[in-house]
Protein backbone atom coordinates (compact mmCIF):
# COMPACT_ATOMS: atom_id res chain seq x y z
CA MET A 1 -20.26 -49.91 39.42
CA LEU A 2 -22.22 -47.25 37.54
CA CYS A 3 -20.05 -44.55 35.96
CA VAL A 4 -20.46 -41.72 33.49
CA LEU A 5 -19.55 -41.75 29.80
CA CYS A 6 -18.53 -38.30 28.53
CA VAL A 7 -17.58 -37.25 25.03
CA SER A 8 -16.47 -34.10 23.24
CA GLU A 9 -18.07 -33.16 19.96
CA GLN A 10 -16.01 -34.36 17.01
CA GLU A 11 -15.52 -32.02 14.10
CA THR A 12 -15.39 -33.78 10.76
CA ARG A 13 -15.01 -32.70 7.18
CA ASN A 14 -17.74 -33.77 4.77
CA PRO A 15 -19.43 -32.15 1.79
CA LYS A 16 -21.29 -29.77 4.08
CA ILE A 17 -18.11 -28.43 5.71
CA PRO A 18 -15.64 -26.92 3.23
CA ILE A 19 -11.98 -26.23 3.93
CA TYR A 20 -10.35 -24.30 1.18
CA VAL A 21 -8.49 -21.17 0.03
CA VAL A 22 -7.42 -19.97 -3.42
CA LEU A 23 -4.42 -17.63 -4.14
CA THR A 24 -1.24 -17.89 -6.33
CA GLY A 25 1.39 -20.17 -4.84
CA GLN A 26 2.68 -23.66 -5.22
CA THR A 27 2.79 -26.90 -3.14
CA TYR A 28 0.75 -28.72 -0.54
CA ASP A 29 0.77 -29.74 3.08
CA ASP A 30 -1.32 -30.15 6.20
CA LEU A 31 -3.59 -27.41 7.47
CA ILE A 32 -1.69 -24.14 7.38
CA ASP A 33 -1.46 -22.98 10.98
CA HIS A 34 1.21 -20.30 10.63
CA ASP A 35 2.14 -17.56 8.20
CA ALA A 36 2.16 -18.31 4.50
CA LEU A 37 4.09 -16.31 1.95
CA LEU A 38 2.89 -16.10 -1.60
CA GLN A 39 4.57 -14.85 -4.76
CA MET A 40 2.49 -13.32 -7.52
CA LYS A 41 3.10 -14.15 -11.17
CA LEU A 42 0.53 -12.47 -13.37
CA ALA A 43 -2.76 -10.63 -13.15
CA ASN A 44 -6.15 -12.36 -12.84
CA ASN A 45 -5.16 -14.32 -9.74
CA LYS A 46 -7.72 -15.21 -7.13
CA SER A 47 -7.60 -16.84 -3.72
CA THR A 48 -10.23 -18.68 -1.72
CA ALA A 49 -9.90 -19.17 2.03
CA ALA A 50 -11.66 -21.73 4.23
CA VAL A 51 -11.29 -22.41 7.92
CA PRO A 52 -12.29 -25.09 10.48
CA ASP A 53 -12.51 -22.74 13.47
CA ASP A 54 -15.12 -20.11 14.24
CA ASN A 55 -14.15 -16.43 14.01
CA THR A 56 -10.77 -17.05 12.42
CA VAL A 57 -9.18 -13.78 11.32
CA VAL A 58 -7.24 -14.08 8.06
CA THR A 59 -4.75 -11.26 7.45
CA ILE A 60 -3.89 -10.72 3.79
CA THR A 61 -1.13 -8.20 3.17
CA GLN A 62 -0.46 -7.33 -0.45
CA TYR A 63 2.84 -5.87 0.68
CA THR A 64 2.84 -2.04 0.43
CA TYR A 65 -0.47 -1.87 -1.39
CA ALA A 66 -3.20 -3.05 0.94
CA THR A 67 -4.01 -5.13 4.02
CA THR A 68 -7.34 -6.80 4.71
CA ASN A 69 -8.52 -8.67 7.80
CA PRO A 70 -11.61 -10.73 6.92
CA THR A 71 -13.17 -12.97 9.58
CA GLN A 72 -14.43 -16.41 8.62
CA SER A 73 -16.62 -18.90 10.43
CA ALA A 74 -15.95 -22.62 10.79
CA GLY A 75 -16.17 -24.38 7.45
CA GLU A 76 -16.58 -21.16 5.50
CA SER A 77 -14.66 -20.54 2.28
CA LYS A 78 -14.08 -17.15 0.72
CA GLY A 79 -12.54 -15.96 -2.52
CA TYR A 80 -10.19 -13.01 -2.77
CA THR A 81 -9.16 -11.28 -6.00
CA LEU A 82 -5.56 -10.12 -5.76
CA ASP A 83 -4.10 -6.77 -6.75
CA ALA A 84 -2.56 -6.87 -10.25
CA LYS A 85 0.18 -4.53 -8.99
CA LEU A 86 1.73 -7.56 -7.30
CA GLU A 87 2.69 -9.00 -10.67
CA LEU A 88 6.31 -10.11 -10.60
CA GLY A 89 8.18 -8.48 -13.48
CA ARG A 90 11.58 -9.24 -14.90
CA ALA A 91 13.57 -7.60 -12.11
CA GLU A 92 16.15 -9.86 -10.52
CA ASN A 93 14.93 -8.90 -7.03
CA SER A 94 11.49 -7.72 -6.01
CA THR A 95 9.34 -7.08 -2.95
CA ASN A 96 6.13 -8.09 -4.76
CA THR A 97 5.02 -10.71 -2.28
CA LEU A 98 1.73 -11.54 -0.60
CA GLN A 99 1.70 -12.41 3.09
CA ILE A 100 -1.12 -14.40 4.66
CA SER A 101 -1.52 -15.21 8.34
CA SER A 102 -4.45 -16.38 10.43
CA THR A 103 -5.54 -16.87 14.02
CA GLY A 104 -6.79 -20.41 13.23
CA ASP A 105 -6.10 -23.26 10.84
CA ILE A 106 -6.61 -22.58 7.14
CA THR A 107 -5.65 -24.05 3.79
CA ILE A 108 -4.78 -21.86 0.81
CA GLN A 109 -5.14 -22.68 -2.86
CA VAL A 110 -4.35 -20.34 -5.72
CA ILE A 111 -6.00 -20.17 -9.11
CA TYR A 112 -4.31 -18.33 -11.97
CA ARG A 113 -6.47 -17.68 -15.01
CA LYS A 114 -5.74 -15.71 -18.16
CA ASN A 115 -7.59 -16.39 -21.41
CA ASN A 116 -7.42 -20.19 -21.84
CA SER A 117 -4.40 -20.56 -19.57
CA MET A 118 -5.08 -21.85 -16.07
CA GLN A 119 -2.82 -22.94 -13.21
CA ALA A 120 -3.73 -24.22 -9.75
CA ALA A 121 -1.46 -24.55 -6.74
CA VAL A 122 -1.55 -25.03 -2.98
CA VAL A 123 0.48 -22.73 -0.72
CA ILE A 124 3.02 -24.21 1.68
CA PRO A 125 3.06 -22.76 5.22
CA ALA A 126 6.19 -20.93 6.32
CA ASP A 127 6.99 -23.44 9.07
CA LYS A 128 7.07 -26.30 6.53
CA LEU A 129 9.65 -24.69 4.24
CA GLY A 130 13.28 -25.80 3.96
CA THR A 131 16.82 -24.48 3.58
CA LYS A 132 18.06 -26.89 0.89
CA TYR A 133 16.53 -27.68 -2.51
CA PHE A 134 17.74 -29.59 -5.55
CA VAL A 135 17.43 -27.75 -8.88
CA PRO A 136 15.40 -29.72 -11.49
CA PRO A 137 16.45 -30.10 -15.11
CA VAL A 138 14.84 -27.83 -17.71
CA PRO A 139 12.37 -29.65 -20.00
CA GLU A 140 12.71 -29.47 -23.76
CA ILE A 141 9.81 -27.36 -25.06
CA LYS A 142 9.69 -26.59 -28.75
CA GLY A 143 9.45 -22.86 -29.27
CA THR A 144 10.52 -22.05 -25.70
CA THR A 145 13.68 -23.93 -24.72
CA SER A 146 14.24 -25.80 -27.99
CA PRO A 147 16.25 -25.23 -30.06
CA PRO A 148 18.57 -23.82 -27.36
CA ASP A 149 19.95 -21.04 -29.57
CA MET A 150 16.53 -19.39 -29.78
CA VAL A 151 16.32 -18.79 -26.01
CA THR A 152 16.44 -15.07 -25.25
CA THR A 153 15.44 -12.75 -22.43
CA ASP A 154 13.80 -10.36 -24.93
CA VAL A 155 10.77 -12.51 -25.93
CA ILE A 156 8.57 -13.78 -23.11
CA GLU A 157 7.72 -17.20 -24.59
CA ARG A 158 11.42 -17.80 -25.33
CA THR A 159 12.90 -16.67 -22.04
CA PRO A 160 14.84 -19.20 -19.94
CA PHE A 161 13.21 -21.13 -17.10
CA LYS A 162 13.47 -19.55 -13.66
CA LEU A 163 14.17 -20.41 -10.05
CA VAL A 164 12.02 -18.07 -7.95
CA ILE A 165 13.23 -17.86 -4.35
CA VAL A 166 10.80 -16.31 -1.87
CA ASN A 167 12.23 -15.21 1.46
CA MET A 168 10.37 -15.17 4.77
CA ASP A 169 10.63 -12.63 7.59
CA GLN A 170 14.42 -12.70 8.21
CA ASN A 171 17.51 -11.49 6.40
CA ASN A 172 18.86 -14.42 4.43
CA LYS A 173 21.94 -15.62 2.61
CA ILE A 174 21.35 -17.72 -0.53
CA ILE A 175 23.93 -19.99 -2.19
CA VAL A 176 23.26 -21.63 -5.56
CA GLU A 177 25.83 -24.35 -6.26
CA GLY A 178 26.85 -26.13 -9.45
CA ALA A 179 29.79 -25.84 -11.82
CA GLU A 180 30.05 -22.36 -10.31
CA THR A 181 28.72 -20.86 -7.09
CA GLN A 182 26.45 -17.83 -6.84
CA THR A 183 25.90 -16.12 -3.50
CA PHE A 184 23.52 -13.26 -2.68
CA SER A 185 21.42 -11.85 0.16
CA LEU A 186 17.68 -11.37 0.51
CA GLN A 187 15.84 -8.98 2.77
CA PRO A 188 12.63 -10.02 4.59
CA TYR A 189 9.79 -10.83 2.16
CA GLN A 190 12.01 -10.29 -0.85
CA VAL A 191 11.92 -12.40 -4.03
CA SER A 192 14.84 -13.29 -6.27
CA GLN A 193 14.69 -14.73 -9.79
CA ILE A 194 17.50 -16.77 -11.33
CA TRP A 195 17.57 -17.69 -15.03
CA ILE A 196 18.01 -21.45 -15.59
CA TYR A 197 19.26 -22.49 -19.02
CA GLN A 198 19.24 -26.09 -20.29
CA GLU A 199 23.02 -26.17 -20.35
CA ASP A 200 23.36 -24.76 -16.82
CA LEU A 201 24.87 -27.03 -14.18
CA TRP A 202 23.10 -25.57 -11.13
CA ARG A 203 22.53 -28.47 -8.74
CA THR A 204 21.58 -27.21 -5.29
CA MET A 205 20.12 -24.11 -3.65
CA LYS A 206 20.94 -23.51 0.04
CA ALA A 207 19.73 -20.82 2.42
CA GLU A 208 20.58 -19.86 5.99
CA ASN A 209 16.86 -19.54 6.80
CA PRO A 210 13.81 -21.26 5.26
CA VAL A 211 12.63 -20.11 1.84
CA ALA A 212 10.02 -21.15 -0.72
CA VAL A 213 11.39 -22.13 -4.13
CA LEU A 214 9.43 -22.25 -7.38
CA PHE A 215 10.57 -23.58 -10.74
CA GLY A 216 8.95 -22.69 -14.02
CA HIS A 217 8.33 -20.33 -16.88
CA PRO A 218 6.11 -17.22 -17.29
CA CYS A 219 4.67 -18.27 -20.68
CA ALA A 220 5.90 -21.61 -22.06
CA MET A 221 4.61 -22.82 -25.42
CA ARG A 222 1.97 -25.54 -25.12
CA GLN A 223 -0.18 -25.97 -28.23
CA ASN A 224 -1.51 -24.12 -31.29
CA CYS A 225 1.22 -21.48 -30.99
CA GLN A 226 -0.15 -20.43 -27.58
CA CYS A 227 1.86 -20.03 -24.40
CA GLY A 228 0.83 -20.17 -20.75
CA GLN A 229 2.23 -19.86 -17.24
CA LEU A 230 4.05 -22.97 -16.04
CA TYR A 231 5.20 -23.19 -12.41
CA ALA A 232 5.64 -25.83 -9.72
CA SER A 233 6.98 -25.63 -6.18
CA LEU A 234 10.05 -27.58 -5.15
CA GLN A 235 10.06 -29.78 -2.08
CA PRO A 236 12.88 -29.40 0.46
CA VAL A 237 15.58 -32.07 0.32
CA ARG A 238 14.81 -35.19 2.36
CA GLU A 239 17.37 -37.34 4.13
CA ALA A 240 16.26 -40.58 2.50
CA LYS A 241 15.15 -41.53 -0.98
CA LEU A 242 11.38 -41.58 -1.38
CA ASN A 243 9.01 -43.46 -3.69
CA PHE A 244 6.94 -41.46 -6.18
CA TYR A 245 4.10 -43.26 -8.01
CA ILE A 246 3.00 -41.96 -11.42
CA PRO A 247 -0.60 -42.71 -12.51
CA PRO A 248 -0.99 -43.22 -16.28
CA ALA A 249 -3.86 -40.70 -16.26
CA PHE A 250 -1.26 -37.91 -16.08
CA ALA A 251 -0.02 -38.84 -19.56
CA LYS A 252 -3.39 -39.46 -21.21
CA ASP A 253 -3.41 -38.27 -24.83
CA ALA A 254 0.19 -37.05 -24.43
CA GLU A 255 2.24 -40.11 -23.53
CA GLN A 256 5.09 -39.26 -25.91
CA GLU A 257 5.19 -35.69 -24.60
CA THR A 258 5.15 -36.53 -20.87
CA PHE A 259 8.42 -36.47 -18.97
CA LEU A 260 9.66 -36.77 -15.38
CA LEU A 261 12.09 -34.11 -14.16
CA LEU A 262 14.23 -35.74 -11.46
CA SER A 263 16.55 -33.94 -9.08
CA ASN A 264 18.80 -35.77 -6.65
CA ASN A 265 22.01 -35.24 -4.71
CA GLY A 266 24.58 -34.14 -7.28
CA SER A 267 22.55 -35.18 -10.33
CA LYS A 268 19.44 -34.45 -12.34
CA ASP A 269 17.75 -36.35 -15.11
CA ILE A 270 14.83 -36.22 -17.55
CA LYS A 271 12.95 -39.47 -18.20
CA ARG A 272 10.14 -40.05 -20.63
CA PHE A 273 7.09 -41.38 -18.82
CA ASP A 274 6.92 -45.17 -19.11
CA PRO A 275 3.68 -46.84 -17.90
CA ALA A 276 5.68 -50.05 -17.44
CA SER A 277 7.83 -48.26 -14.79
CA PRO A 278 5.37 -46.10 -12.82
CA VAL A 279 7.58 -45.52 -9.75
CA VAL A 280 10.78 -43.52 -9.27
CA GLN A 281 13.01 -42.90 -6.25
CA THR A 282 14.74 -39.67 -5.24
CA SER A 283 15.46 -37.55 -2.17
CA GLY A 284 14.59 -34.41 -4.10
CA THR A 285 11.58 -33.34 -6.16
CA VAL A 286 9.87 -35.24 -8.96
CA ILE A 287 8.03 -32.95 -11.36
CA LEU A 288 5.85 -34.28 -14.15
CA TYR A 289 5.91 -32.22 -17.33
CA ARG A 290 3.48 -32.36 -20.24
CA PRO A 291 2.51 -29.44 -22.50
CA GLY A 292 0.80 -26.88 -20.27
CA LEU A 293 1.48 -28.69 -16.98
CA LEU A 294 4.23 -28.87 -14.36
CA LEU A 295 2.98 -31.09 -11.53
CA THR A 296 4.86 -31.71 -8.28
CA LEU A 297 4.38 -35.39 -7.42
CA ILE A 298 3.50 -36.63 -3.93
CA PRO A 299 6.03 -38.96 -2.26
CA GLU A 300 4.67 -42.07 -0.55
CA SER A 301 5.73 -40.65 2.83
CA ASP A 302 3.29 -37.76 2.33
CA PHE A 303 0.21 -39.83 1.50
CA ALA A 304 -2.76 -38.67 3.57
CA SER A 305 -6.15 -39.87 4.76
CA CYS A 306 -8.21 -36.81 3.88
CA SER A 307 -8.08 -34.08 1.25
CA VAL A 308 -10.48 -31.44 -0.02
CA ILE A 309 -11.05 -30.04 -3.50
CA LEU A 310 -13.17 -27.11 -4.64
CA SER A 311 -14.05 -27.46 -8.31
CA ILE A 312 -13.37 -24.58 -10.69
CA PRO A 313 -16.22 -23.29 -12.88
CA ASP A 314 -15.86 -23.43 -16.67
CA ALA A 315 -13.36 -26.29 -16.50
CA ASP A 316 -13.43 -30.09 -16.46
CA ASN A 317 -12.60 -31.10 -12.88
CA PHE A 318 -11.45 -34.53 -11.75
CA ALA A 319 -9.38 -36.22 -9.05
CA VAL A 320 -6.57 -38.71 -9.63
CA ILE A 321 -6.20 -41.10 -6.68
CA VAL A 322 -3.34 -43.49 -5.84
CA VAL A 323 -3.86 -46.05 -3.07
CA HIS A 324 -2.63 -49.48 -2.01
CA LYS A 325 -4.48 -52.20 -3.89
CA ASP A 326 -5.69 -53.82 -0.64
CA PHE A 327 -7.38 -50.61 0.53
CA LYS A 328 -9.05 -49.29 -2.61
CA ALA A 329 -12.54 -50.11 -1.27
CA GLY A 330 -12.10 -47.59 1.57
CA VAL A 331 -11.91 -44.48 -0.64
CA ARG A 332 -14.83 -42.09 -0.18
CA ILE A 333 -15.96 -38.84 -1.76
CA GLY A 334 -18.28 -37.20 0.71
CA ASN A 335 -20.42 -39.90 2.27
CA LEU A 336 -20.26 -42.28 -0.70
CA PRO A 337 -17.73 -44.80 -2.01
CA LEU A 338 -16.32 -44.19 -5.47
CA GLN A 339 -18.91 -44.87 -8.16
CA SER A 340 -17.73 -47.67 -10.54
CA PRO A 341 -14.03 -46.80 -10.31
CA ALA A 342 -11.79 -48.08 -13.11
CA TRP A 343 -8.73 -49.08 -11.08
CA VAL A 344 -5.46 -49.36 -12.99
CA ASN A 345 -2.58 -51.41 -11.58
CA LEU A 346 0.71 -49.53 -11.35
CA ASN A 347 3.03 -52.08 -12.89
CA GLY A 348 5.47 -53.74 -10.51
CA THR A 349 3.98 -52.10 -7.39
CA ASP A 350 1.23 -52.82 -4.85
CA TYR A 351 -0.56 -49.60 -5.81
CA VAL A 352 -3.48 -48.78 -8.08
CA SER A 353 -4.87 -45.52 -9.44
CA THR A 354 -8.16 -44.22 -10.72
CA VAL A 355 -9.77 -41.05 -12.03
CA SER A 356 -12.97 -39.68 -10.50
CA VAL A 357 -15.02 -36.88 -12.04
CA LEU A 358 -15.75 -34.18 -9.46
CA ALA A 359 -19.05 -32.48 -8.79
CA MET A 360 -19.13 -28.71 -8.86
CA GLY A 361 -18.47 -27.23 -5.43
CA LYS A 362 -16.80 -28.97 -2.50
CA ASN A 363 -15.39 -32.49 -2.74
CA VAL A 364 -13.97 -34.12 0.38
CA ILE A 365 -11.97 -37.23 -0.51
CA TRP A 366 -11.03 -39.48 2.40
CA HIS A 367 -10.11 -43.00 3.36
CA SER A 368 -11.69 -44.93 6.19
CA SER A 369 -8.53 -46.81 7.26
CA SER A 370 -5.47 -45.98 5.14
CA THR A 371 -3.58 -43.22 3.34
CA MET A 372 -3.44 -42.29 -0.34
CA ALA A 373 -2.30 -39.64 -2.79
CA VAL A 374 -4.97 -37.31 -4.18
CA TYR A 375 -4.40 -34.87 -7.01
CA PHE A 376 -6.80 -32.15 -8.13
CA MET A 377 -6.71 -32.07 -11.93
CA GLY A 378 -8.62 -30.23 -14.60
CA LYS A 379 -8.72 -29.27 -18.25
CA LYS A 380 -9.29 -25.84 -19.71
CA GLY A 381 -8.93 -24.97 -23.38
CA GLY A 382 -7.47 -28.38 -24.12
CA ALA A 383 -4.60 -27.97 -21.61
CA MET A 384 -4.35 -29.83 -18.31
CA PHE A 385 -3.75 -28.09 -14.98
CA GLY A 386 -3.54 -29.46 -11.46
CA ASN A 387 -1.84 -29.75 -8.09
CA PRO A 388 -1.68 -32.10 -5.11
CA ALA A 389 -5.01 -31.70 -3.31
CA PRO A 390 -5.00 -29.67 -0.06
CA ILE A 391 -4.57 -32.06 2.86
CA ILE A 392 -6.74 -31.97 5.97
CA SER A 393 -5.21 -34.96 7.75
CA LYS A 394 -2.37 -37.40 7.15
CA ASN A 395 -3.35 -39.70 10.00
CA PRO A 396 -5.61 -42.61 8.92
CA VAL A 397 -6.96 -43.08 12.46
CA SER A 398 -8.50 -39.62 12.17
CA SER A 399 -10.94 -40.84 9.55
CA ASP A 400 -14.01 -42.80 10.55
CA PHE A 401 -17.48 -43.44 9.17
CA ARG A 402 -18.37 -39.75 9.49
CA GLY A 403 -15.58 -38.57 7.23
CA CYS A 404 -12.38 -36.60 7.86
CA VAL A 405 -11.77 -35.69 11.46
CA VAL A 406 -10.20 -32.31 12.12
CA THR A 407 -10.66 -32.34 15.88
CA PRO A 408 -10.90 -35.92 17.24
CA GLU A 409 -13.55 -36.60 19.83
CA VAL A 410 -12.49 -37.22 23.42
CA LEU A 411 -14.17 -40.21 25.06
CA MET A 412 -13.80 -40.37 28.84
CA ILE A 413 -15.24 -42.72 31.45
CA GLY A 414 -15.81 -40.90 34.74
CA GLU A 415 -13.84 -42.13 37.72
CA VAL A 416 -16.52 -41.54 40.35
CA ALA A 417 -19.88 -43.33 40.54
CA ALA A 418 -22.73 -40.82 40.76
CA GLY A 419 -26.32 -40.24 39.72
CA TRP A 420 -27.39 -39.13 36.25
CA ARG A 421 -27.68 -35.44 37.14
CA GLU A 422 -24.29 -35.45 38.87
CA SER A 423 -22.81 -37.17 35.83
CA LEU A 424 -24.23 -34.46 33.60
CA GLU A 425 -22.51 -31.82 35.74
CA TYR A 426 -19.29 -33.88 35.85
CA CYS A 427 -19.03 -33.88 32.07
CA SER A 428 -19.90 -30.18 31.83
CA GLN A 429 -17.12 -29.24 34.25
CA LYS A 430 -14.64 -30.95 31.93
CA ASN A 431 -16.07 -29.20 28.85
CA LEU A 432 -17.53 -32.51 27.70
CA GLU A 433 -21.05 -33.84 27.19
CA LEU A 434 -22.88 -36.86 28.54
CA ILE A 435 -22.80 -39.01 25.45
CA SER A 436 -25.72 -39.29 23.02
CA LEU A 437 -25.89 -42.30 20.68
CA PRO A 438 -28.58 -41.53 18.09
CA ASP A 439 -26.98 -43.39 15.16
CA ALA A 440 -26.31 -47.12 14.73
CA LYS A 441 -22.88 -46.51 13.16
CA LEU A 442 -21.95 -44.11 15.96
CA GLN A 443 -23.01 -46.69 18.52
CA LYS A 444 -20.67 -49.28 17.04
CA HIS A 445 -17.88 -46.73 16.79
CA ILE A 446 -18.23 -45.84 20.48
CA TYR A 447 -18.59 -49.47 21.56
CA ASP A 448 -15.27 -50.28 19.89
CA LYS A 449 -13.60 -47.44 21.77
CA ILE A 450 -15.07 -48.53 25.10
CA LEU A 451 -13.77 -52.07 24.64
CA LYS A 452 -10.26 -50.67 24.37
CA ALA A 453 -10.63 -48.34 27.36
CA LYS A 454 -12.72 -50.15 29.98
CA ASN A 455 -11.36 -51.92 33.06
CA ASP A 456 -12.52 -55.14 34.73
CA THR A 457 -14.57 -53.35 37.44
CA LEU A 458 -16.60 -51.25 35.05
CA GLN A 459 -20.07 -52.68 34.37
CA GLU A 460 -22.46 -49.87 33.42
CA VAL A 461 -22.35 -46.19 32.45
CA TRP A 462 -24.86 -43.38 32.25
CA ILE A 463 -25.63 -42.13 28.74
CA GLY A 464 -27.26 -38.89 27.55
CA MET A 465 -30.81 -40.22 27.24
CA ARG A 466 -33.80 -39.62 29.48
CA ARG A 467 -37.58 -39.62 29.55
CA SER A 468 -39.62 -36.50 29.01
CA SER A 469 -41.60 -35.53 32.11
CA LEU A 470 -44.30 -34.18 29.80
CA ASN A 471 -45.12 -37.16 27.59
CA GLY A 472 -42.89 -40.00 28.80
CA GLU A 473 -41.03 -40.21 25.48
CA TRP A 474 -37.29 -40.83 25.42
CA TYR A 475 -34.99 -38.15 23.98
CA TRP A 476 -31.26 -37.55 23.45
CA LEU A 477 -29.55 -34.61 25.13
CA ASN A 478 -28.06 -33.52 21.79
CA LYS A 479 -31.61 -33.20 20.43
CA GLN A 480 -31.11 -35.85 17.72
CA PRO A 481 -34.13 -38.08 16.97
CA VAL A 482 -34.39 -41.45 18.73
CA ASN A 483 -34.41 -43.80 15.75
CA HIS A 484 -31.80 -46.48 16.50
CA THR A 485 -32.02 -48.02 19.97
CA ASN A 486 -30.40 -50.96 21.72
CA TRP A 487 -32.70 -51.69 24.64
CA ALA A 488 -32.16 -54.91 26.56
CA ALA A 489 -34.95 -57.48 26.71
CA ASN A 490 -38.06 -56.15 28.48
CA GLU A 491 -36.59 -52.65 28.49
CA PRO A 492 -37.50 -49.90 28.90
CA GLY A 493 -40.05 -50.40 31.62
CA ALA A 494 -42.90 -48.16 32.64
CA VAL A 495 -42.36 -44.52 33.53
CA ARG A 496 -42.20 -45.38 37.22
CA ASP A 497 -39.35 -47.85 36.57
CA GLY A 498 -36.85 -45.20 35.51
CA GLN A 499 -36.44 -41.88 33.78
CA CYS A 500 -32.76 -42.08 32.78
CA ALA A 501 -30.77 -44.57 30.69
CA ILE A 502 -27.76 -46.71 31.51
CA MET A 503 -25.65 -48.85 29.18
CA SER A 504 -23.92 -52.14 29.90
CA VAL A 505 -20.27 -52.12 28.81
CA GLU A 506 -20.41 -55.90 28.37
CA SER A 507 -23.42 -56.27 26.03
CA PHE A 508 -23.87 -52.53 25.25
CA SER A 509 -27.60 -52.94 25.81
CA TRP A 510 -29.57 -50.17 27.47
CA SER A 511 -31.88 -50.13 30.52
CA ASP A 512 -33.94 -47.50 32.24
CA GLU A 513 -33.04 -46.50 35.79
CA SER A 514 -33.87 -43.94 38.42
CA CYS A 515 -31.83 -40.82 37.69
CA SER A 516 -30.56 -40.77 41.28
CA ALA A 517 -29.45 -44.41 41.34
CA LEU A 518 -25.98 -45.23 42.73
CA PHE A 519 -24.31 -48.62 42.64
């Protein structure tokens, strides 16, 4: 029985197809496919937007100040400088928020830059936010939170840490629980700031409707009597305890000054980083602190197969990767495996980590068969900055030899035997294409899929190859060059023997055949 093999075009992410956005928010997740709400901290913030779909309209509303509606093409990234009027001052409540929505999938990353201070963060989409968060402990920072009696609201570098609660599009009731309970209301798109002192016993923040919660300081001391912005997003509370793996690269040159801020149900703790114990468990957030950096760590349950990073000019850019030791060979940047990676075992676990220097521009980091944690890190003015890398896909089956798959291909074997021309029309009616197989790796990839899908009666299928009536040369319908072929013995024959190509689903060899042949 001769049938038709149709396929949809697969969209992948590789170094030629960026997906990115830069603004001023915190956290990470899958492609943002709903509204995102962003809270501004200081001036000199910039955002960069990238999209996988053609003609995606991104709406950026800088609250009462301005609204823009740029349109972006598939794979395009754009940078947007944000209005300094959105700076969040010291007011307890504010409406200084930035709202971003789009008609297609986007990711958003924010870059904050002022003098030698730099922060990077990924914005969480509104539909991924939560209603319950654990409050982390405040780190001990000499000149900012230590000694405690020097903390004051009158000097910016000595102000207390903050919880910044960003409301979405509904009226909301917020409850902050601890030794005491504080209750207040938020209007749509309103922001509230709560001072957090080291001695405070705040444990949990609850809301009637989803909110974004940030934890940090507007200008914490870091080195050489300089201060810089220090913020991280909190993850919503999970039902179960999760594993968090800590690569030693995070503590390089600052091991004695690197701490883990742990928040859990009814408790919080600060632990000095110990390379002999590189894994912690909690149902809340784990934040790594070192001078100049608050980094939200990625739980094992949120490991992904594909992430994208856009390097920042005038800074040292690198990726920190954590993956299971049995799958380290499958890590790719662009089309290449990691170049001479120095894998470090995470003591007492099955995981390893490495650091990879990033090229300027777009860097797509993906795994061919498994999941991993990827962090975008950098150094500017001697201080480290970073965030979990924006995720394109968490599903390892969506990565193949071509890179990260955003829209998986659809492979379909036609149910009705017909000639080549009828098969071409059959695929077109289903918004598919008669398959072209110009690449040896693609051929193997498709053969593996056919083996899983074929039935016992299927013997041969039409493919998207035919002979030119002008010169007798074979060509692919997708216009790719004919370089890798799999003709059966004594095939193809002369022009009179056949003008179209069929493929055996047993041997996957090709033969020429009359385009009107039916079996």
